[in-house]
């Protein structure tokens, strides 16, 4: 995959490839709904107005530190992650792209360990995605605990993007990928406001932004406004979980079938 002039498919992960926020899902799977670790995290996030030093990524690192202190170890994390739901349309679409030999990649605000554990559990780990760019997640902390760190290290020069959180500018990564493989067209699957930056880069004829509908529709809202004012050039297609991802699968099928 990735020779000159071939299509490229890029997936966001949470609420896109999987039908959940993996950060929240794993905490609730491990301590139950409304447990102490999550309750404390929500309080911290609200009190900071969403402006904690290190942002959401640092908050998740603190959550897994608290879970570790409560006795949760790698096997429990891995088992919990394996249960995350996935829409059948997304599952089939990822397998279809692989079967067609088309380059597909993941660009996510989750973390390496969560994504690897989930892809393993879903049978999507081997050769399905040529690259996964996300925050760092590894069992390399004190006592071997899981740590979650931003892709762009804290304190490094800011990536300076007005659209993206400090941990990762998705547009910068997509720009690198496009420079590497010169794709003929790009399809991007996403849901959140952090998917807007890469969506703005999709100018090739035939490129598609698959933007999820309500309630996970911040990307769709931003794209709709930007089409109106001419800043977004690609085609935007709405998809949702109402049809179990059927529209998502159909759009990806059409994208692969059109020259």
C-alpha atoms as a PDB file:
ATOM      1  CA  UNK A   1       0.000   0.000   0.000  1.00  0.00           C
ATOM      2  CA  UNK A   2       0.926   3.646  -0.270  1.00  0.00           C
ATOM      3  CA  UNK A   3       2.449   3.783  -3.763  1.00  0.00           C
ATOM      4  CA  UNK A   4       2.022   6.974  -5.747  1.00  0.00           C
ATOM      5  CA  UNK A   5      -1.532   7.930  -6.508  1.00  0.00           C
ATOM      6  CA  UNK A   6      -3.482   5.308  -4.574  1.00  0.00           C
ATOM      7  CA  UNK A   7      -6.429   6.040  -2.261  1.00  0.00           C
ATOM      8  CA  UNK A   8      -5.833   6.477   1.468  1.00  0.00           C
ATOM      9  CA  UNK A   9      -8.380   5.724   4.212  1.00  0.00           C
ATOM     10  CA  UNK A  10      -7.872   7.341   7.639  1.00  0.00           C
ATOM     11  CA  UNK A  11      -9.911   6.479  10.738  1.00  0.00           C
ATOM     12  CA  UNK A  12     -10.383   8.334  13.955  1.00  0.00           C
ATOM     13  CA  UNK A  13     -10.796   5.688  16.681  1.00  0.00           C
ATOM     14  CA  UNK A  14     -13.266   6.618  19.447  1.00  0.00           C
ATOM     15  CA  UNK A  15     -16.882   6.942  18.217  1.00  0.00           C
ATOM     16  CA  UNK A  16     -15.577   6.147  14.712  1.00  0.00           C
ATOM     17  CA  UNK A  17     -13.853   2.779  14.352  1.00  0.00           C
ATOM     18  CA  UNK A  18     -15.219   1.742  17.767  1.00  0.00           C
ATOM     19  CA  UNK A  19     -18.631   2.791  19.064  1.00  0.00           C
ATOM     20  CA  UNK A  20     -17.468   4.242  22.386  1.00  0.00           C
ATOM     21  CA  UNK A  21     -14.938   6.566  23.962  1.00  0.00           C
ATOM     22  CA  UNK A  22     -12.252   4.013  24.917  1.00  0.00           C
ATOM     23  CA  UNK A  23     -10.922   6.206  27.764  1.00  0.00           C
ATOM     24  CA  UNK A  24     -14.293   6.394  29.502  1.00  0.00           C
ATOM     25  CA  UNK A  25     -15.349   2.873  28.534  1.00  0.00           C
ATOM     26  CA  UNK A  26     -12.381   1.135  30.151  1.00  0.00           C
ATOM     27  CA  UNK A  27     -12.749   3.038  33.443  1.00  0.00           C
ATOM     28  CA  UNK A  28     -16.469   2.250  33.688  1.00  0.00           C
ATOM     29  CA  UNK A  29     -15.875  -1.390  32.684  1.00  0.00           C
ATOM     30  CA  UNK A  30     -13.328  -1.712  35.494  1.00  0.00           C
ATOM     31  CA  UNK A  31     -15.061   0.151  38.335  1.00  0.00           C
ATOM     32  CA  UNK A  32     -18.723   0.257  37.318  1.00  0.00           C
ATOM     33  CA  UNK A  33     -20.745   3.277  36.253  1.00  0.00           C
ATOM     34  CA  UNK A  34     -20.106   6.329  38.444  1.00  0.00           C
ATOM     35  CA  UNK A  35     -17.194   4.761  40.363  1.00  0.00           C
ATOM     36  CA  UNK A  36     -14.766   6.858  42.438  1.00  0.00           C
ATOM     37  CA  UNK A  37     -11.989   7.196  39.829  1.00  0.00           C
ATOM     38  CA  UNK A  38     -14.338   8.481  37.147  1.00  0.00           C
ATOM     39  CA  UNK A  39     -16.323  10.677  39.558  1.00  0.00           C
ATOM     40  CA  UNK A  40     -13.100  12.372  40.688  1.00  0.00           C
ATOM     41  CA  UNK A  41     -11.922  12.817  37.082  1.00  0.00           C
ATOM     42  CA  UNK A  42     -15.185  14.465  36.008  1.00  0.00           C
ATOM     43  CA  UNK A  43     -14.977  16.818  38.984  1.00  0.00           C
ATOM     44  CA  UNK A  44     -11.358  17.774  38.166  1.00  0.00           C
ATOM     45  CA  UNK A  45     -12.206  18.361  34.516  1.00  0.00           C
ATOM     46  CA  UNK A  46     -15.252  20.512  35.335  1.00  0.00           C
ATOM     47  CA  UNK A  47     -13.426  22.546  37.964  1.00  0.00           C
ATOM     48  CA  UNK A  48     -10.638  23.314  35.490  1.00  0.00           C
ATOM     49  CA  UNK A  49     -13.157  24.276  32.783  1.00  0.00           C
ATOM     50  CA  UNK A  50     -11.542  21.643  30.575  1.00  0.00           C
ATOM     51  CA  UNK A  51      -8.186  23.432  30.916  1.00  0.00           C
ATOM     52  CA  UNK A  52      -6.124  21.032  33.054  1.00  0.00           C
ATOM     53  CA  UNK A  53      -2.350  21.188  32.504  1.00  0.00           C
ATOM     54  CA  UNK A  54      -1.669  18.396  30.031  1.00  0.00           C
ATOM     55  CA  UNK A  55      -5.345  18.347  29.091  1.00  0.00           C
ATOM     56  CA  UNK A  56      -7.502  15.244  28.748  1.00  0.00           C
ATOM     57  CA  UNK A  57      -4.445  13.020  28.198  1.00  0.00           C
ATOM     58  CA  UNK A  58      -2.993  13.966  31.605  1.00  0.00           C
ATOM     59  CA  UNK A  59      -6.392  13.381  33.220  1.00  0.00           C
ATOM     60  CA  UNK A  60      -6.537   9.857  31.739  1.00  0.00           C
ATOM     61  CA  UNK A  61      -3.006   9.163  32.991  1.00  0.00           C
ATOM     62  CA  UNK A  62      -4.149  10.155  36.477  1.00  0.00           C
ATOM     63  CA  UNK A  63      -7.218   7.870  36.146  1.00  0.00           C
ATOM     64  CA  UNK A  64      -5.153   4.815  35.206  1.00  0.00           C
ATOM     65  CA  UNK A  65      -2.722   5.624  38.043  1.00  0.00           C
ATOM     66  CA  UNK A  66      -5.696   5.557  40.459  1.00  0.00           C
ATOM     67  CA  UNK A  67      -6.988   2.296  38.956  1.00  0.00           C
ATOM     68  CA  UNK A  68      -3.496   0.814  39.326  1.00  0.00           C
ATOM     69  CA  UNK A  69      -3.425   1.914  42.983  1.00  0.00           C
ATOM     70  CA  UNK A  70      -6.765   0.094  43.394  1.00  0.00           C
ATOM     71  CA  UNK A  71      -5.133  -3.130  42.158  1.00  0.00           C
ATOM     72  CA  UNK A  72      -6.054  -3.163  38.442  1.00  0.00           C
ATOM     73  CA  UNK A  73      -3.293  -4.784  36.357  1.00  0.00           C
ATOM     74  CA  UNK A  74      -2.600  -5.349  32.648  1.00  0.00           C
ATOM     75  CA  UNK A  75      -4.757  -8.504  32.262  1.00  0.00           C
ATOM     76  CA  UNK A  76      -7.821  -6.672  33.656  1.00  0.00           C
ATOM     77  CA  UNK A  77      -7.222  -3.633  31.432  1.00  0.00           C
ATOM     78  CA  UNK A  78      -6.807  -5.851  28.362  1.00  0.00           C
ATOM     79  CA  UNK A  79      -9.931  -7.867  29.128  1.00  0.00           C
ATOM     80  CA  UNK A  80     -12.013  -4.728  29.709  1.00  0.00           C
ATOM     81  CA  UNK A  81     -10.801  -3.134  26.467  1.00  0.00           C
ATOM     82  CA  UNK A  82     -11.705  -6.261  24.489  1.00  0.00           C
ATOM     83  CA  UNK A  83     -15.382  -5.767  25.314  1.00  0.00           C
ATOM     84  CA  UNK A  84     -15.704  -2.358  23.648  1.00  0.00           C
ATOM     85  CA  UNK A  85     -18.581  -2.281  21.119  1.00  0.00           C
ATOM     86  CA  UNK A  86     -18.012  -1.810  17.410  1.00  0.00           C
ATOM     87  CA  UNK A  87     -20.649  -1.114  14.754  1.00  0.00           C
ATOM     88  CA  UNK A  88     -20.833  -3.941  12.245  1.00  0.00           C
ATOM     89  CA  UNK A  89     -20.568  -1.393   9.404  1.00  0.00           C
ATOM     90  CA  UNK A  90     -17.233  -0.118  10.739  1.00  0.00           C
ATOM     91  CA  UNK A  91     -15.905  -3.642  11.273  1.00  0.00           C
ATOM     92  CA  UNK A  92     -16.904  -4.713   7.745  1.00  0.00           C
ATOM     93  CA  UNK A  93     -15.558  -1.496   6.217  1.00  0.00           C
ATOM     94  CA  UNK A  94     -12.104  -1.914   7.793  1.00  0.00           C
ATOM     95  CA  UNK A  95     -11.943  -5.513   6.541  1.00  0.00           C
ATOM     96  CA  UNK A  96     -13.129  -4.476   3.074  1.00  0.00           C
ATOM     97  CA  UNK A  97     -10.423  -1.794   2.774  1.00  0.00           C
ATOM     98  CA  UNK A  98      -7.813  -4.390   3.800  1.00  0.00           C
ATOM     99  CA  UNK A  99      -9.199  -6.960   1.331  1.00  0.00           C
ATOM    100  CA  UNK A 100      -8.901  -4.387  -1.473  1.00  0.00           C
ATOM    101  CA  UNK A 101      -5.255  -3.777  -0.566  1.00  0.00           C
ATOM    102  CA  UNK A 102      -5.885  -0.094   0.131  1.00  0.00           C
ATOM    103  CA  UNK A 103      -3.707   1.745   2.658  1.00  0.00           C
ATOM    104  CA  UNK A 104      -5.669   2.535   5.836  1.00  0.00           C
ATOM    105  CA  UNK A 105      -4.400   4.191   9.000  1.00  0.00           C
ATOM    106  CA  UNK A 106      -5.598   5.269  12.446  1.00  0.00           C
ATOM    107  CA  UNK A 107      -5.196   8.842  13.755  1.00  0.00           C
ATOM    108  CA  UNK A 108      -6.529   9.066  17.289  1.00  0.00           C
ATOM    109  CA  UNK A 109      -6.591  10.848  20.642  1.00  0.00           C
ATOM    110  CA  UNK A 110      -6.790   7.459  22.441  1.00  0.00           C
ATOM    111  CA  UNK A 111      -3.438   5.729  23.152  1.00  0.00           C
ATOM    112  CA  UNK A 112      -1.207   3.002  21.720  1.00  0.00           C
ATOM    113  CA  UNK A 113      -1.977   0.344  24.299  1.00  0.00           C
ATOM    114  CA  UNK A 114      -5.781   0.769  24.206  1.00  0.00           C
ATOM    115  CA  UNK A 115      -5.865   0.677  20.408  1.00  0.00           C
ATOM    116  CA  UNK A 116      -3.536  -2.326  20.161  1.00  0.00           C
ATOM    117  CA  UNK A 117      -5.514  -4.286  22.795  1.00  0.00           C
ATOM    118  CA  UNK A 118      -8.836  -3.494  21.085  1.00  0.00           C
ATOM    119  CA  UNK A 119      -7.598  -4.328  17.561  1.00  0.00           C
ATOM    120  CA  UNK A 120      -6.210  -7.615  18.917  1.00  0.00           C
ATOM    121  CA  UNK A 121      -9.542  -8.489  20.537  1.00  0.00           C
ATOM    122  CA  UNK A 122     -11.487  -7.634  17.361  1.00  0.00           C
ATOM    123  CA  UNK A 123      -9.152  -9.581  15.043  1.00  0.00           C
ATOM    124  CA  UNK A 124      -8.051  -6.367  13.302  1.00  0.00           C
ATOM    125  CA  UNK A 125      -4.421  -6.235  14.477  1.00  0.00           C
ATOM    126  CA  UNK A 126      -2.591  -8.053  11.700  1.00  0.00           C
ATOM    127  CA  UNK A 127      -1.899  -6.051   8.579  1.00  0.00           C
ATOM    128  CA  UNK A 128      -5.220  -4.188   8.592  1.00  0.00           C
ATOM    129  CA  UNK A 129      -3.755  -0.746   9.384  1.00  0.00           C
ATOM    130  CA  UNK A 130      -0.373   0.354   8.046  1.00  0.00           C
ATOM    131  CA  UNK A 131       0.100   3.020  10.726  1.00  0.00           C
ATOM    132  CA  UNK A 132      -1.402   4.071  14.063  1.00  0.00           C
ATOM    133  CA  UNK A 133      -0.587   7.560  15.361  1.00  0.00           C
ATOM    134  CA  UNK A 134      -1.930   8.335  18.812  1.00  0.00           C
ATOM    135  CA  UNK A 135      -0.878   9.219  22.361  1.00  0.00           C
ATOM    136  CA  UNK A 136       1.704   7.041  24.071  1.00  0.00           C
ATOM    137  CA  UNK A 137       0.375   4.280  26.292  1.00  0.00           C
ATOM    138  CA  UNK A 138       2.674   1.676  27.884  1.00  0.00           C
ATOM    139  CA  UNK A 139       3.278  -0.254  31.100  1.00  0.00           C
ATOM    140  CA  UNK A 140       6.489   1.656  31.818  1.00  0.00           C
ATOM    141  CA  UNK A 141       5.640   3.703  34.917  1.00  0.00           C
ATOM    142  CA  UNK A 142       6.583   3.227  38.581  1.00  0.00           C
ATOM    143  CA  UNK A 143       5.969  -0.439  39.578  1.00  0.00           C
ATOM    144  CA  UNK A 144       5.270  -1.133  35.881  1.00  0.00           C
ATOM    145  CA  UNK A 145       2.021   0.833  35.921  1.00  0.00           C
ATOM    146  CA  UNK A 146       0.284   1.946  32.735  1.00  0.00           C
ATOM    147  CA  UNK A 147       1.181   5.509  31.758  1.00  0.00           C
ATOM    148  CA  UNK A 148      -0.550   7.650  29.132  1.00  0.00           C
ATOM    149  CA  UNK A 149       1.443  10.521  27.627  1.00  0.00           C
ATOM    150  CA  UNK A 150       0.731  13.000  24.838  1.00  0.00           C
ATOM    151  CA  UNK A 151       1.983  12.289  21.317  1.00  0.00           C
ATOM    152  CA  UNK A 152       3.500  15.802  21.231  1.00  0.00           C
ATOM    153  CA  UNK A 153       5.512  15.803  24.511  1.00  0.00           C
ATOM    154  CA  UNK A 154       4.430  18.310  27.155  1.00  0.00           C
ATOM    155  CA  UNK A 155       6.726  21.319  27.199  1.00  0.00           C
ATOM    156  CA  UNK A 156       7.846  20.752  23.601  1.00  0.00           C
ATOM    157  CA  UNK A 157       7.252  23.616  21.189  1.00  0.00           C
ATOM    158  CA  UNK A 158       3.507  23.887  20.613  1.00  0.00           C
ATOM    159  CA  UNK A 159       2.259  22.560  17.294  1.00  0.00           C
ATOM    160  CA  UNK A 160       0.505  25.934  17.071  1.00  0.00           C
ATOM    161  CA  UNK A 161      -2.696  24.643  15.496  1.00  0.00           C
ATOM    162  CA  UNK A 162      -5.801  26.610  16.541  1.00  0.00           C
ATOM    163  CA  UNK A 163      -8.092  23.623  15.851  1.00  0.00           C
ATOM    164  CA  UNK A 164      -6.335  20.868  17.831  1.00  0.00           C
ATOM    165  CA  UNK A 165      -5.679  20.033  21.500  1.00  0.00           C
ATOM    166  CA  UNK A 166      -2.039  20.312  22.662  1.00  0.00           C
ATOM    167  CA  UNK A 167      -1.456  16.527  22.724  1.00  0.00           C
ATOM    168  CA  UNK A 168      -1.874  15.912  18.979  1.00  0.00           C
ATOM    169  CA  UNK A 169      -2.447  17.915  15.797  1.00  0.00           C
ATOM    170  CA  UNK A 170      -4.149  15.435  13.492  1.00  0.00           C
ATOM    171  CA  UNK A 171      -3.835  17.755  10.505  1.00  0.00           C
ATOM    172  CA  UNK A 172      -0.038  17.862  10.861  1.00  0.00           C
ATOM    173  CA  UNK A 173       0.117  14.053  10.792  1.00  0.00           C
ATOM    174  CA  UNK A 174      -2.255  13.749   7.830  1.00  0.00           C
ATOM    175  CA  UNK A 175      -0.190  16.378   5.987  1.00  0.00           C
ATOM    176  CA  UNK A 176       2.950  14.225   6.589  1.00  0.00           C
ATOM    177  CA  UNK A 177       1.183  11.108   5.349  1.00  0.00           C
ATOM    178  CA  UNK A 178      -0.064  12.868   2.227  1.00  0.00           C
ATOM    179  CA  UNK A 179       3.466  14.116   1.496  1.00  0.00           C
ATOM    180  CA  UNK A 180       4.780  10.543   1.924  1.00  0.00           C
ATOM    181  CA  UNK A 181       2.275   8.664  -0.249  1.00  0.00           C
ATOM    182  CA  UNK A 182       0.780  11.346  -2.562  1.00  0.00           C
ATOM    183  CA  UNK A 183      -2.671   9.698  -2.424  1.00  0.00           C
ATOM    184  CA  UNK A 184      -5.040  10.036  -5.373  1.00  0.00           C
ATOM    185  CA  UNK A 185      -7.838  10.786  -2.881  1.00  0.00           C
ATOM    186  CA  UNK A 186      -8.430  10.483   0.866  1.00  0.00           C
ATOM    187  CA  UNK A 187     -11.378   9.277   2.935  1.00  0.00           C
ATOM    188  CA  UNK A 188     -11.435  10.387   6.585  1.00  0.00           C
ATOM    189  CA  UNK A 189     -13.821   8.914   9.182  1.00  0.00           C
ATOM    190  CA  UNK A 190     -14.413  11.018  12.287  1.00  0.00           C
ATOM    191  CA  UNK A 191     -16.815  12.531  14.776  1.00  0.00           C
ATOM    192  CA  UNK A 192     -15.231  15.201  16.982  1.00  0.00           C
ATOM    193  CA  UNK A 193     -13.966  18.766  16.732  1.00  0.00           C
ATOM    194  CA  UNK A 194     -10.385  17.400  16.748  1.00  0.00           C
ATOM    195  CA  UNK A 195     -11.167  15.731  13.385  1.00  0.00           C
ATOM    196  CA  UNK A 196     -11.869  19.093  11.739  1.00  0.00           C
ATOM    197  CA  UNK A 197      -8.214  20.007  11.143  1.00  0.00           C
ATOM    198  CA  UNK A 198      -7.493  16.928   8.955  1.00  0.00           C
ATOM    199  CA  UNK A 199     -10.896  17.315   7.221  1.00  0.00           C
ATOM    200  CA  UNK A 200      -9.767  20.739   5.953  1.00  0.00           C
ATOM    201  CA  UNK A 201      -6.942  19.052   3.997  1.00  0.00           C
ATOM    202  CA  UNK A 202      -9.237  16.883   1.874  1.00  0.00           C
ATOM    203  CA  UNK A 203      -9.170  18.834  -1.374  1.00  0.00           C
ATOM    204  CA  UNK A 204      -8.501  16.056  -3.926  1.00  0.00           C
ATOM    205  CA  UNK A 205     -11.472  15.312  -6.198  1.00  0.00           C
ATOM    206  CA  UNK A 206     -13.156  12.176  -4.875  1.00  0.00           C
ATOM    207  CA  UNK A 207     -12.055  12.796  -1.274  1.00  0.00           C
ATOM    208  CA  UNK A 208     -14.682  12.261   1.410  1.00  0.00           C
ATOM    209  CA  UNK A 209     -15.155  13.291   5.032  1.00  0.00           C
ATOM    210  CA  UNK A 210     -17.401  10.745   6.784  1.00  0.00           C
ATOM    211  CA  UNK A 211     -18.758  12.809   9.672  1.00  0.00           C
ATOM    212  CA  UNK A 212     -20.827  11.154  12.380  1.00  0.00           C
ATOM    213  CA  UNK A 213     -24.305  12.472  13.167  1.00  0.00           C
ATOM    214  CA  UNK A 214     -25.803  13.473  16.528  1.00  0.00           C
ATOM    215  CA  UNK A 215     -25.034  13.237  19.357  1.00  0.00           C
ATOM    216  CA  UNK A 216     -21.353  12.858  18.325  1.00  0.00           C
ATOM    217  CA  UNK A 217     -21.605  15.490  15.623  1.00  0.00           C
ATOM    218  CA  UNK A 218     -19.136  18.267  16.415  1.00  0.00           C
ATOM    219  CA  UNK A 219     -17.152  17.449  13.262  1.00  0.00           C
ATOM    220  CA  UNK A 220     -20.342  17.459  11.174  1.00  0.00           C
ATOM    221  CA  UNK A 221     -21.366  20.862  12.569  1.00  0.00           C
ATOM    222  CA  UNK A 222     -17.970  22.390  11.806  1.00  0.00           C
ATOM    223  CA  UNK A 223     -17.842  20.850   8.315  1.00  0.00           C
ATOM    224  CA  UNK A 224     -21.342  22.087   7.490  1.00  0.00           C
ATOM    225  CA  UNK A 225     -20.368  25.667   8.434  1.00  0.00           C
ATOM    226  CA  UNK A 226     -17.091  25.433   6.512  1.00  0.00           C
ATOM    227  CA  UNK A 227     -18.736  24.179   3.326  1.00  0.00           C
ATOM    228  CA  UNK A 228     -21.051  27.173   3.511  1.00  0.00           C
ATOM    229  CA  UNK A 229     -18.128  29.637   3.753  1.00  0.00           C
ATOM    230  CA  UNK A 230     -15.942  27.762   1.234  1.00  0.00           C
ATOM    231  CA  UNK A 231     -13.089  26.758   3.575  1.00  0.00           C
ATOM    232  CA  UNK A 232     -13.816  23.033   3.210  1.00  0.00           C
ATOM    233  CA  UNK A 233     -13.461  21.582  -0.278  1.00  0.00           C
ATOM    234  CA  UNK A 234     -14.130  17.841   0.196  1.00  0.00           C
ATOM    235  CA  UNK A 235     -17.456  16.024   0.089  1.00  0.00           C
ATOM    236  CA  UNK A 236     -19.027  15.494   3.511  1.00  0.00           C
ATOM    237  CA  UNK A 237     -21.231  12.450   4.129  1.00  0.00           C
ATOM    238  CA  UNK A 238     -23.127  11.960   7.394  1.00  0.00           C
ATOM    239  CA  UNK A 239     -23.247   8.543   9.045  1.00  0.00           C
ATOM    240  CA  UNK A 240     -24.607   7.279  12.353  1.00  0.00           C
ATOM    241  CA  UNK A 241     -25.112   4.253  14.568  1.00  0.00           C
ATOM    242  CA  UNK A 242     -28.860   4.197  13.816  1.00  0.00           C
ATOM    243  CA  UNK A 243     -28.234   1.793  10.896  1.00  0.00           C
ATOM    244  CA  UNK A 244     -25.324   0.017  12.663  1.00  0.00           C
ATOM    245  CA  UNK A 245     -22.868   1.787  10.355  1.00  0.00           C
ATOM    246  CA  UNK A 246     -24.505   0.680   7.075  1.00  0.00           C
ATOM    247  CA  UNK A 247     -24.199   4.172   5.513  1.00  0.00           C
ATOM    248  CA  UNK A 248     -20.564   4.271   6.637  1.00  0.00           C
ATOM    249  CA  UNK A 249     -19.876   0.933   4.920  1.00  0.00           C
ATOM    250  CA  UNK A 250     -21.742   1.988   1.768  1.00  0.00           C
ATOM    251  CA  UNK A 251     -19.819   5.274   1.486  1.00  0.00           C
ATOM    252  CA  UNK A 252     -16.473   3.503   1.915  1.00  0.00           C
ATOM    253  CA  UNK A 253     -17.521   0.885  -0.668  1.00  0.00           C
ATOM    254  CA  UNK A 254     -18.419   3.663  -3.137  1.00  0.00           C
ATOM    255  CA  UNK A 255     -15.127   5.437  -2.419  1.00  0.00           C
ATOM    256  CA  UNK A 256     -13.166   2.234  -3.181  1.00  0.00           C
ATOM    257  CA  UNK A 257     -15.193   1.498  -6.315  1.00  0.00           C
ATOM    258  CA  UNK A 258     -14.919   4.950  -7.912  1.00  0.00           C
ATOM    259  CA  UNK A 259     -11.740   5.585  -9.834  1.00  0.00           C
END
